Amino acid sequence: MISDLKKEMNKFITDLEENIQNKSDLEYIKEKMPNLFEMIIDEMEKIINIKEEKMNKIVQTQQQLEAKIDKMEKIVDNIEKDIYSDEGFDFEIVCPYCDNEFVVDADDDQKQIKCPKCENIIELDWAEDNDIGCAEGGCFNCHGCEIDDNDEDEDM
């Protein structure tokens, strides 16, 4: 860009030489023109440097934004994994024998679990369609399993 400007300056001086008849005026102009062009070039370089600094700031900001977006995408991916994980979910159990609270992975196929404290077996029922809310006669201490269907009919 600057070399193009210098070429234009040389063309301009040549044009002046061809069109100015007074030799003293021509010499004066030829003497002053390089200073003028040098000032113009200096100002253009300042402008270019300012633009480059702004561009570098934009690039830096863009990189920071991309890093933040990458971080957010990783967080969203982890959230999706947590939500849609086939591994199940943690389930808190209170042992009916010793009141010990502990957490296990929910597994629909698992029908019983051993309490880590008292080592008693706890019957599990993962079914949601159980009206009584117990493990079909195998639960402890809910008394719901002891209800006989015939007793319910007699009460009505």
N, C-alpha and C. Protein backbone atom coordinates (compact mmCIF):
# COMPACT_ATOMS: atom_id res chain seq x y z
N MET A 1 0.83 -1.18 0.00
CA MET A 1 0.00 0.00 0.00
C MET A 1 0.88 1.26 0.00
N ILE A 2 1.89 1.26 0.86
CA ILE A 2 2.78 2.43 0.94
C ILE A 2 3.62 2.54 -0.32
N SER A 3 4.06 1.40 -0.86
CA SER A 3 4.84 1.46 -2.10
C SER A 3 4.00 2.01 -3.25
N ASP A 4 2.72 1.68 -3.26
CA ASP A 4 1.81 2.24 -4.27
C ASP A 4 1.70 3.76 -4.11
N LEU A 5 1.66 4.19 -2.88
CA LEU A 5 1.58 5.62 -2.60
C LEU A 5 2.85 6.34 -3.08
N LYS A 6 4.00 5.71 -2.88
CA LYS A 6 5.26 6.30 -3.35
C LYS A 6 5.29 6.37 -4.87
N LYS A 7 4.75 5.38 -5.52
CA LYS A 7 4.67 5.41 -6.98
C LYS A 7 3.80 6.57 -7.45
N GLU A 8 2.69 6.74 -6.77
CA GLU A 8 1.79 7.84 -7.11
C GLU A 8 2.47 9.19 -6.87
N MET A 9 3.25 9.27 -5.81
CA MET A 9 3.97 10.51 -5.52
C MET A 9 4.95 10.82 -6.65
N ASN A 10 5.67 9.83 -7.09
CA ASN A 10 6.62 10.03 -8.20
C ASN A 10 5.90 10.44 -9.48
N LYS A 11 4.74 9.85 -9.74
CA LYS A 11 3.96 10.26 -10.91
C LYS A 11 3.52 11.72 -10.78
N PHE A 12 3.12 12.08 -9.57
CA PHE A 12 2.67 13.45 -9.33
C PHE A 12 3.82 14.44 -9.55
N ILE A 13 4.99 14.14 -9.09
CA ILE A 13 6.16 15.02 -9.30
C ILE A 13 6.50 15.12 -10.79
N THR A 14 6.42 14.01 -11.48
CA THR A 14 6.68 14.02 -12.93
C THR A 14 5.66 14.90 -13.63
N ASP A 15 4.42 14.79 -13.23
CA ASP A 15 3.36 15.62 -13.81
C ASP A 15 3.63 17.10 -13.53
N LEU A 16 4.07 17.42 -12.34
CA LEU A 16 4.41 18.82 -12.01
C LEU A 16 5.56 19.32 -12.87
N GLU A 17 6.54 18.48 -13.04
CA GLU A 17 7.70 18.87 -13.85
C GLU A 17 7.29 19.20 -15.28
N GLU A 18 6.35 18.44 -15.76
CA GLU A 18 5.91 18.65 -17.14
C GLU A 18 5.01 19.87 -17.29
N ASN A 19 4.30 20.27 -16.24
CA ASN A 19 3.30 21.32 -16.36
C ASN A 19 3.67 22.66 -15.73
N ILE A 20 4.66 22.70 -14.88
CA ILE A 20 5.06 23.98 -14.28
C ILE A 20 6.23 24.54 -15.10
N GLN A 21 6.03 25.74 -15.58
CA GLN A 21 7.01 26.36 -16.46
C GLN A 21 8.11 27.08 -15.68
N ASN A 22 7.75 27.63 -14.57
CA ASN A 22 8.72 28.39 -13.79
C ASN A 22 9.60 27.41 -13.02
N LYS A 23 10.91 27.44 -13.31
CA LYS A 23 11.85 26.48 -12.72
C LYS A 23 12.00 26.68 -11.21
N SER A 24 11.97 27.86 -10.73
CA SER A 24 12.12 28.09 -9.29
C SER A 24 10.90 27.56 -8.53
N ASP A 25 9.72 27.75 -9.08
CA ASP A 25 8.50 27.19 -8.47
C ASP A 25 8.56 25.67 -8.45
N LEU A 26 9.00 25.12 -9.55
CA LEU A 26 9.11 23.66 -9.65
C LEU A 26 10.08 23.11 -8.61
N GLU A 27 11.22 23.74 -8.46
CA GLU A 27 12.21 23.28 -7.49
C GLU A 27 11.66 23.39 -6.06
N TYR A 28 10.94 24.47 -5.81
CA TYR A 28 10.34 24.64 -4.48
C TYR A 28 9.34 23.52 -4.20
N ILE A 29 8.50 23.25 -5.15
CA ILE A 29 7.49 22.19 -4.99
C ILE A 29 8.17 20.83 -4.83
N LYS A 30 9.16 20.56 -5.64
CA LYS A 30 9.88 19.28 -5.55
C LYS A 30 10.57 19.12 -4.21
N GLU A 31 10.99 20.23 -3.65
CA GLU A 31 11.65 20.19 -2.35
C GLU A 31 10.63 19.92 -1.23
N LYS A 32 9.47 20.50 -1.30
CA LYS A 32 8.46 20.37 -0.25
C LYS A 32 7.60 19.10 -0.37
N MET A 33 7.43 18.61 -1.56
CA MET A 33 6.54 17.46 -1.79
C MET A 33 6.95 16.21 -1.01
N PRO A 34 8.20 15.84 -0.98
CA PRO A 34 8.56 14.64 -0.21
C PRO A 34 8.19 14.77 1.27
N ASN A 35 8.36 15.96 1.82
CA ASN A 35 7.98 16.16 3.23
C ASN A 35 6.48 15.98 3.42
N LEU A 36 5.71 16.53 2.48
CA LEU A 36 4.27 16.38 2.53
C LEU A 36 3.86 14.91 2.45
N PHE A 37 4.43 14.21 1.49
CA PHE A 37 4.10 12.78 1.33
C PHE A 37 4.57 11.96 2.53
N GLU A 38 5.69 12.35 3.08
CA GLU A 38 6.20 11.64 4.25
C GLU A 38 5.24 11.81 5.44
N MET A 39 4.72 13.03 5.60
CA MET A 39 3.73 13.27 6.66
C MET A 39 2.47 12.46 6.42
N ILE A 40 2.03 12.41 5.17
CA ILE A 40 0.84 11.63 4.82
C ILE A 40 1.08 10.15 5.12
N ILE A 41 2.24 9.66 4.73
CA ILE A 41 2.56 8.25 4.96
C ILE A 41 2.64 7.95 6.45
N ASP A 42 3.23 8.85 7.23
CA ASP A 42 3.29 8.66 8.68
C ASP A 42 1.90 8.57 9.29
N GLU A 43 1.02 9.47 8.86
CA GLU A 43 -0.35 9.46 9.37
C GLU A 43 -1.08 8.18 8.97
N MET A 44 -0.84 7.72 7.77
CA MET A 44 -1.47 6.47 7.31
C MET A 44 -0.95 5.29 8.13
N GLU A 45 0.35 5.29 8.43
CA GLU A 45 0.91 4.21 9.24
C GLU A 45 0.31 4.22 10.64
N LYS A 46 0.09 5.42 11.21
CA LYS A 46 -0.54 5.53 12.52
C LYS A 46 -1.96 4.94 12.46
N ILE A 47 -2.67 5.29 11.41
CA ILE A 47 -4.04 4.77 11.25
C ILE A 47 -4.01 3.25 11.11
N ILE A 48 -3.08 2.76 10.31
CA ILE A 48 -2.96 1.31 10.11
C ILE A 48 -2.65 0.62 11.44
N ASN A 49 -1.73 1.21 12.24
CA ASN A 49 -1.39 0.62 13.53
C ASN A 49 -2.58 0.60 14.48
N ILE A 50 -3.34 1.69 14.47
CA ILE A 50 -4.54 1.74 15.31
C ILE A 50 -5.53 0.66 14.89
N LYS A 51 -5.70 0.51 13.58
CA LYS A 51 -6.63 -0.51 13.07
C LYS A 51 -6.14 -1.91 13.43
N GLU A 52 -4.83 -2.13 13.34
CA GLU A 52 -4.27 -3.44 13.69
C GLU A 52 -4.49 -3.74 15.17
N GLU A 53 -4.29 -2.72 16.03
CA GLU A 53 -4.54 -2.91 17.46
C GLU A 53 -5.99 -3.27 17.72
N LYS A 54 -6.89 -2.56 17.07
CA LYS A 54 -8.32 -2.87 17.23
C LYS A 54 -8.61 -4.28 16.74
N MET A 55 -8.01 -4.64 15.62
CA MET A 55 -8.23 -5.98 15.07
C MET A 55 -7.70 -7.05 16.02
N ASN A 56 -6.53 -6.79 16.61
CA ASN A 56 -5.97 -7.74 17.58
C ASN A 56 -6.87 -7.88 18.80
N LYS A 57 -7.44 -6.77 19.26
CA LYS A 57 -8.37 -6.83 20.39
C LYS A 57 -9.61 -7.63 20.02
N ILE A 58 -10.09 -7.44 18.81
CA ILE A 58 -11.26 -8.20 18.34
C ILE A 58 -10.94 -9.69 18.29
N VAL A 59 -9.77 -10.02 17.77
CA VAL A 59 -9.36 -11.43 17.69
C VAL A 59 -9.24 -12.01 19.10
N GLN A 60 -8.65 -11.25 20.01
CA GLN A 60 -8.50 -11.72 21.38
C GLN A 60 -9.87 -11.92 22.05
N THR A 61 -10.75 -10.98 21.87
CA THR A 61 -12.11 -11.09 22.43
C THR A 61 -12.83 -12.30 21.83
N GLN A 62 -12.66 -12.49 20.53
CA GLN A 62 -13.27 -13.64 19.86
C GLN A 62 -12.76 -14.95 20.45
N GLN A 63 -11.45 -15.01 20.71
CA GLN A 63 -10.88 -16.23 21.29
C GLN A 63 -11.43 -16.47 22.70
N GLN A 64 -11.58 -15.39 23.47
CA GLN A 64 -12.13 -15.53 24.82
C GLN A 64 -13.58 -16.01 24.75
N LEU A 65 -14.35 -15.45 23.82
CA LEU A 65 -15.74 -15.87 23.67
C LEU A 65 -15.83 -17.33 23.24
N GLU A 66 -14.97 -17.73 22.33
CA GLU A 66 -14.98 -19.12 21.88
C GLU A 66 -14.62 -20.06 23.03
N ALA A 67 -13.67 -19.65 23.87
CA ALA A 67 -13.32 -20.47 25.03
C ALA A 67 -14.50 -20.59 25.99
N LYS A 68 -15.22 -19.49 26.20
CA LYS A 68 -16.39 -19.52 27.08
C LYS A 68 -17.48 -20.40 26.48
N ILE A 69 -17.67 -20.32 25.17
CA ILE A 69 -18.67 -21.15 24.50
C ILE A 69 -18.30 -22.62 24.62
N ASP A 70 -17.01 -22.94 24.43
CA ASP A 70 -16.57 -24.33 24.58
C ASP A 70 -16.85 -24.83 25.99
N LYS A 71 -16.57 -23.99 26.98
CA LYS A 71 -16.80 -24.37 28.37
C LYS A 71 -18.29 -24.61 28.61
N MET A 72 -19.13 -23.72 28.07
CA MET A 72 -20.57 -23.88 28.23
C MET A 72 -21.07 -25.14 27.53
N GLU A 73 -20.53 -25.42 26.34
CA GLU A 73 -20.93 -26.64 25.62
C GLU A 73 -20.59 -27.89 26.43
N LYS A 74 -19.42 -27.88 27.07
CA LYS A 74 -19.03 -29.02 27.90
C LYS A 74 -19.99 -29.18 29.08
N ILE A 75 -20.37 -28.06 29.68
CA ILE A 75 -21.30 -28.11 30.81
C ILE A 75 -22.65 -28.65 30.34
N VAL A 76 -23.14 -28.16 29.20
CA VAL A 76 -24.41 -28.64 28.66
C VAL A 76 -24.32 -30.13 28.32
N ASP A 77 -23.20 -30.55 27.73
CA ASP A 77 -23.03 -31.97 27.42
C ASP A 77 -23.08 -32.82 28.69
N ASN A 78 -22.43 -32.34 29.75
CA ASN A 78 -22.47 -33.08 31.01
C ASN A 78 -23.87 -33.12 31.59
N ILE A 79 -24.58 -32.02 31.47
CA ILE A 79 -25.97 -32.00 31.96
C ILE A 79 -26.80 -33.00 31.16
N GLU A 80 -26.63 -33.01 29.83
CA GLU A 80 -27.37 -33.96 29.00
C GLU A 80 -27.03 -35.39 29.38
N LYS A 81 -25.75 -35.65 29.65
CA LYS A 81 -25.35 -37.01 30.05
C LYS A 81 -26.03 -37.39 31.36
N ASP A 82 -26.07 -36.41 32.30
CA ASP A 82 -26.73 -36.69 33.58
C ASP A 82 -28.22 -36.95 33.39
N ILE A 83 -28.86 -36.16 32.55
CA ILE A 83 -30.30 -36.28 32.36
C ILE A 83 -30.65 -37.55 31.59
N TYR A 84 -29.93 -37.81 30.51
CA TYR A 84 -30.29 -38.91 29.62
C TYR A 84 -29.43 -40.15 29.81
N SER A 85 -28.74 -40.23 30.91
CA SER A 85 -27.86 -41.36 31.16
C SER A 85 -28.68 -42.64 31.32
N ASP A 86 -28.19 -43.70 30.71
CA ASP A 86 -28.84 -45.01 30.84
C ASP A 86 -28.40 -45.72 32.12
N GLU A 87 -27.48 -45.10 32.84
CA GLU A 87 -26.95 -45.74 34.03
C GLU A 87 -27.91 -45.67 35.20
N GLY A 88 -28.99 -44.98 35.09
CA GLY A 88 -29.94 -44.87 36.18
C GLY A 88 -29.69 -43.62 36.99
N PHE A 89 -30.14 -43.63 38.22
CA PHE A 89 -29.98 -42.47 39.08
C PHE A 89 -29.78 -42.97 40.51
N ASP A 90 -29.28 -42.08 41.35
CA ASP A 90 -29.07 -42.43 42.75
C ASP A 90 -30.41 -42.41 43.48
N PHE A 91 -30.57 -43.33 44.39
CA PHE A 91 -31.81 -43.45 45.14
C PHE A 91 -31.44 -43.56 46.62
N GLU A 92 -32.05 -42.72 47.42
CA GLU A 92 -31.76 -42.73 48.85
C GLU A 92 -32.70 -43.72 49.54
N ILE A 93 -32.09 -44.56 50.37
CA ILE A 93 -32.86 -45.58 51.08
C ILE A 93 -32.63 -45.38 52.58
N VAL A 94 -33.71 -45.52 53.35
CA VAL A 94 -33.63 -45.52 54.81
C VAL A 94 -33.93 -46.94 55.26
N CYS A 95 -32.98 -47.54 55.93
CA CYS A 95 -33.17 -48.93 56.38
C CYS A 95 -34.28 -48.97 57.41
N PRO A 96 -35.29 -49.83 57.20
CA PRO A 96 -36.40 -49.93 58.17
C PRO A 96 -35.99 -50.63 59.47
N TYR A 97 -34.82 -51.26 59.49
CA TYR A 97 -34.36 -51.98 60.67
C TYR A 97 -33.53 -51.09 61.61
N CYS A 98 -32.63 -50.27 61.00
CA CYS A 98 -31.72 -49.49 61.84
C CYS A 98 -31.76 -47.99 61.54
N ASP A 99 -32.62 -47.56 60.61
CA ASP A 99 -32.76 -46.15 60.21
C ASP A 99 -31.50 -45.57 59.55
N ASN A 100 -30.62 -46.42 59.10
CA ASN A 100 -29.43 -45.96 58.39
C ASN A 100 -29.85 -45.44 57.01
N GLU A 101 -29.35 -44.26 56.66
CA GLU A 101 -29.63 -43.70 55.33
C GLU A 101 -28.43 -43.95 54.44
N PHE A 102 -28.68 -44.46 53.23
CA PHE A 102 -27.60 -44.69 52.27
C PHE A 102 -28.15 -44.55 50.86
N VAL A 103 -27.25 -44.39 49.90
CA VAL A 103 -27.62 -44.13 48.52
C VAL A 103 -27.18 -45.31 47.66
N VAL A 104 -28.08 -45.71 46.76
CA VAL A 104 -27.78 -46.79 45.80
C VAL A 104 -28.18 -46.34 44.40
N ASP A 105 -27.62 -46.98 43.40
CA ASP A 105 -28.07 -46.76 42.02
C ASP A 105 -29.41 -47.45 41.84
N ALA A 106 -30.36 -46.75 41.28
CA ALA A 106 -31.67 -47.33 41.04
C ALA A 106 -31.54 -48.34 39.90
N ASP A 107 -31.92 -49.56 40.17
CA ASP A 107 -31.86 -50.62 39.18
C ASP A 107 -33.19 -51.38 39.26
N ASP A 108 -33.99 -51.27 38.18
CA ASP A 108 -35.32 -51.90 38.17
C ASP A 108 -35.26 -53.40 38.39
N ASP A 109 -34.17 -54.03 38.00
CA ASP A 109 -34.06 -55.47 38.12
C ASP A 109 -33.69 -55.92 39.54
N GLN A 110 -33.17 -55.01 40.33
CA GLN A 110 -32.75 -55.35 41.68
C GLN A 110 -33.98 -55.38 42.60
N LYS A 111 -34.22 -56.52 43.25
CA LYS A 111 -35.42 -56.68 44.08
C LYS A 111 -35.12 -56.52 45.57
N GLN A 112 -33.87 -56.63 45.95
CA GLN A 112 -33.52 -56.46 47.35
C GLN A 112 -32.10 -55.93 47.46
N ILE A 113 -31.83 -55.35 48.64
CA ILE A 113 -30.50 -54.77 48.88
C ILE A 113 -30.15 -54.99 50.34
N LYS A 114 -28.87 -55.09 50.59
CA LYS A 114 -28.38 -55.33 51.95
C LYS A 114 -27.99 -53.99 52.57
N CYS A 115 -28.46 -53.72 53.76
CA CYS A 115 -28.10 -52.49 54.47
C CYS A 115 -26.62 -52.58 54.84
N PRO A 116 -25.85 -51.56 54.50
CA PRO A 116 -24.41 -51.62 54.80
C PRO A 116 -24.11 -51.54 56.30
N LYS A 117 -25.06 -51.08 57.11
CA LYS A 117 -24.81 -50.94 58.54
C LYS A 117 -25.22 -52.20 59.31
N CYS A 118 -26.51 -52.55 59.20
CA CYS A 118 -27.00 -53.70 59.99
C CYS A 118 -26.99 -55.00 59.20
N GLU A 119 -26.76 -54.92 57.90
CA GLU A 119 -26.66 -56.06 56.99
C GLU A 119 -27.97 -56.84 56.84
N ASN A 120 -29.09 -56.25 57.20
CA ASN A 120 -30.40 -56.87 56.96
C ASN A 120 -30.76 -56.67 55.49
N ILE A 121 -31.56 -57.56 54.96
CA ILE A 121 -32.01 -57.48 53.58
C ILE A 121 -33.26 -56.61 53.52
N ILE A 122 -33.25 -55.65 52.61
CA ILE A 122 -34.39 -54.76 52.42
C ILE A 122 -35.00 -55.08 51.06
N GLU A 123 -36.29 -55.36 51.05
CA GLU A 123 -37.01 -55.65 49.81
C GLU A 123 -37.26 -54.35 49.07
N LEU A 124 -37.07 -54.36 47.75
CA LEU A 124 -37.26 -53.17 46.92
C LEU A 124 -38.38 -53.40 45.92
N ASP A 125 -39.13 -52.34 45.66
CA ASP A 125 -40.15 -52.40 44.61
C ASP A 125 -40.06 -51.11 43.82
N TRP A 126 -39.63 -51.22 42.58
CA TRP A 126 -39.47 -50.04 41.72
C TRP A 126 -40.72 -49.76 40.91
N ALA A 127 -41.72 -50.63 41.01
CA ALA A 127 -42.92 -50.47 40.19
C ALA A 127 -43.71 -49.26 40.64
N GLU A 128 -44.18 -48.47 39.68
CA GLU A 128 -44.96 -47.28 39.97
C GLU A 128 -46.46 -47.59 40.03
N ASP A 129 -46.86 -48.73 39.50
CA ASP A 129 -48.28 -49.02 39.40
C ASP A 129 -48.81 -49.78 40.61
N ASN A 130 -48.07 -49.91 41.65
CA ASN A 130 -48.50 -50.61 42.85
C ASN A 130 -49.40 -49.68 43.65
N ASP A 131 -50.68 -50.03 43.81
CA ASP A 131 -51.65 -49.17 44.49
C ASP A 131 -51.34 -49.01 45.97
N ILE A 132 -50.84 -50.05 46.58
CA ILE A 132 -50.62 -50.03 48.02
C ILE A 132 -49.31 -49.32 48.34
N GLY A 133 -48.33 -49.43 47.48
CA GLY A 133 -47.05 -48.77 47.71
C GLY A 133 -46.06 -49.65 48.44
N CYS A 134 -46.26 -50.96 48.38
CA CYS A 134 -45.30 -51.85 49.03
C CYS A 134 -44.86 -52.91 48.03
N ALA A 135 -44.01 -53.78 48.48
CA ALA A 135 -43.39 -54.75 47.58
C ALA A 135 -44.20 -56.03 47.48
N GLU A 136 -45.44 -55.91 47.15
CA GLU A 136 -46.32 -57.06 46.88
C GLU A 136 -46.22 -58.14 47.96
N GLY A 137 -46.35 -57.72 49.19
CA GLY A 137 -46.37 -58.70 50.28
C GLY A 137 -45.02 -58.97 50.89
N GLY A 138 -43.96 -58.42 50.35
CA GLY A 138 -42.64 -58.73 50.88
C GLY A 138 -41.99 -57.56 51.57
N CYS A 139 -42.73 -56.51 51.86
CA CYS A 139 -42.10 -55.35 52.49
C CYS A 139 -42.14 -55.48 54.00
N PHE A 140 -41.42 -54.61 54.65
CA PHE A 140 -41.33 -54.65 56.11
C PHE A 140 -41.99 -53.42 56.69
N ASN A 141 -42.88 -53.62 57.59
CA ASN A 141 -43.38 -52.55 58.43
C ASN A 141 -44.32 -51.55 57.75
N CYS A 142 -44.87 -51.83 56.58
CA CYS A 142 -45.81 -50.87 56.01
C CYS A 142 -47.25 -51.28 56.28
N HIS A 143 -47.44 -52.50 56.59
CA HIS A 143 -48.75 -53.08 56.89
C HIS A 143 -49.72 -53.02 55.71
N GLY A 144 -49.28 -52.49 54.60
CA GLY A 144 -50.14 -52.44 53.43
C GLY A 144 -50.28 -53.80 52.79
N CYS A 145 -49.25 -54.62 52.93
CA CYS A 145 -49.28 -55.95 52.31
C CYS A 145 -50.23 -56.89 53.04
N GLU A 146 -50.49 -56.55 54.28
CA GLU A 146 -51.32 -57.43 55.08
C GLU A 146 -52.80 -57.27 54.76
N ILE A 147 -53.15 -56.23 53.99
CA ILE A 147 -54.55 -56.01 53.63
C ILE A 147 -54.96 -57.08 52.64
N ASP A 148 -55.98 -57.76 52.95
CA ASP A 148 -56.49 -58.81 52.08
C ASP A 148 -57.54 -58.20 51.17
N ASP A 149 -57.48 -58.50 49.87
CA ASP A 149 -58.46 -57.97 48.93
C ASP A 149 -59.89 -58.32 49.34
N ASN A 150 -60.07 -59.49 49.93
CA ASN A 150 -61.41 -59.90 50.36
C ASN A 150 -61.91 -59.02 51.50
N ASP A 151 -60.99 -58.59 52.40
CA ASP A 151 -61.37 -57.72 53.51
C ASP A 151 -61.88 -56.39 52.97
N GLU A 152 -61.27 -55.88 51.93
CA GLU A 152 -61.68 -54.61 51.36
C GLU A 152 -63.09 -54.71 50.80
N ASP A 153 -63.40 -55.84 50.16
CA ASP A 153 -64.72 -56.03 49.57
C ASP A 153 -65.79 -56.10 50.68
N GLU A 154 -65.45 -56.73 51.82
CA GLU A 154 -66.41 -56.86 52.90
C GLU A 154 -66.73 -55.53 53.52
N ASP A 155 -65.72 -54.62 53.57
CA ASP A 155 -65.93 -53.32 54.18
C ASP A 155 -66.86 -52.46 53.35
N MET A 156 -66.98 -52.72 52.11
CA MET A 156 -67.81 -51.90 51.23
C MET A 156 -69.19 -52.30 51.31
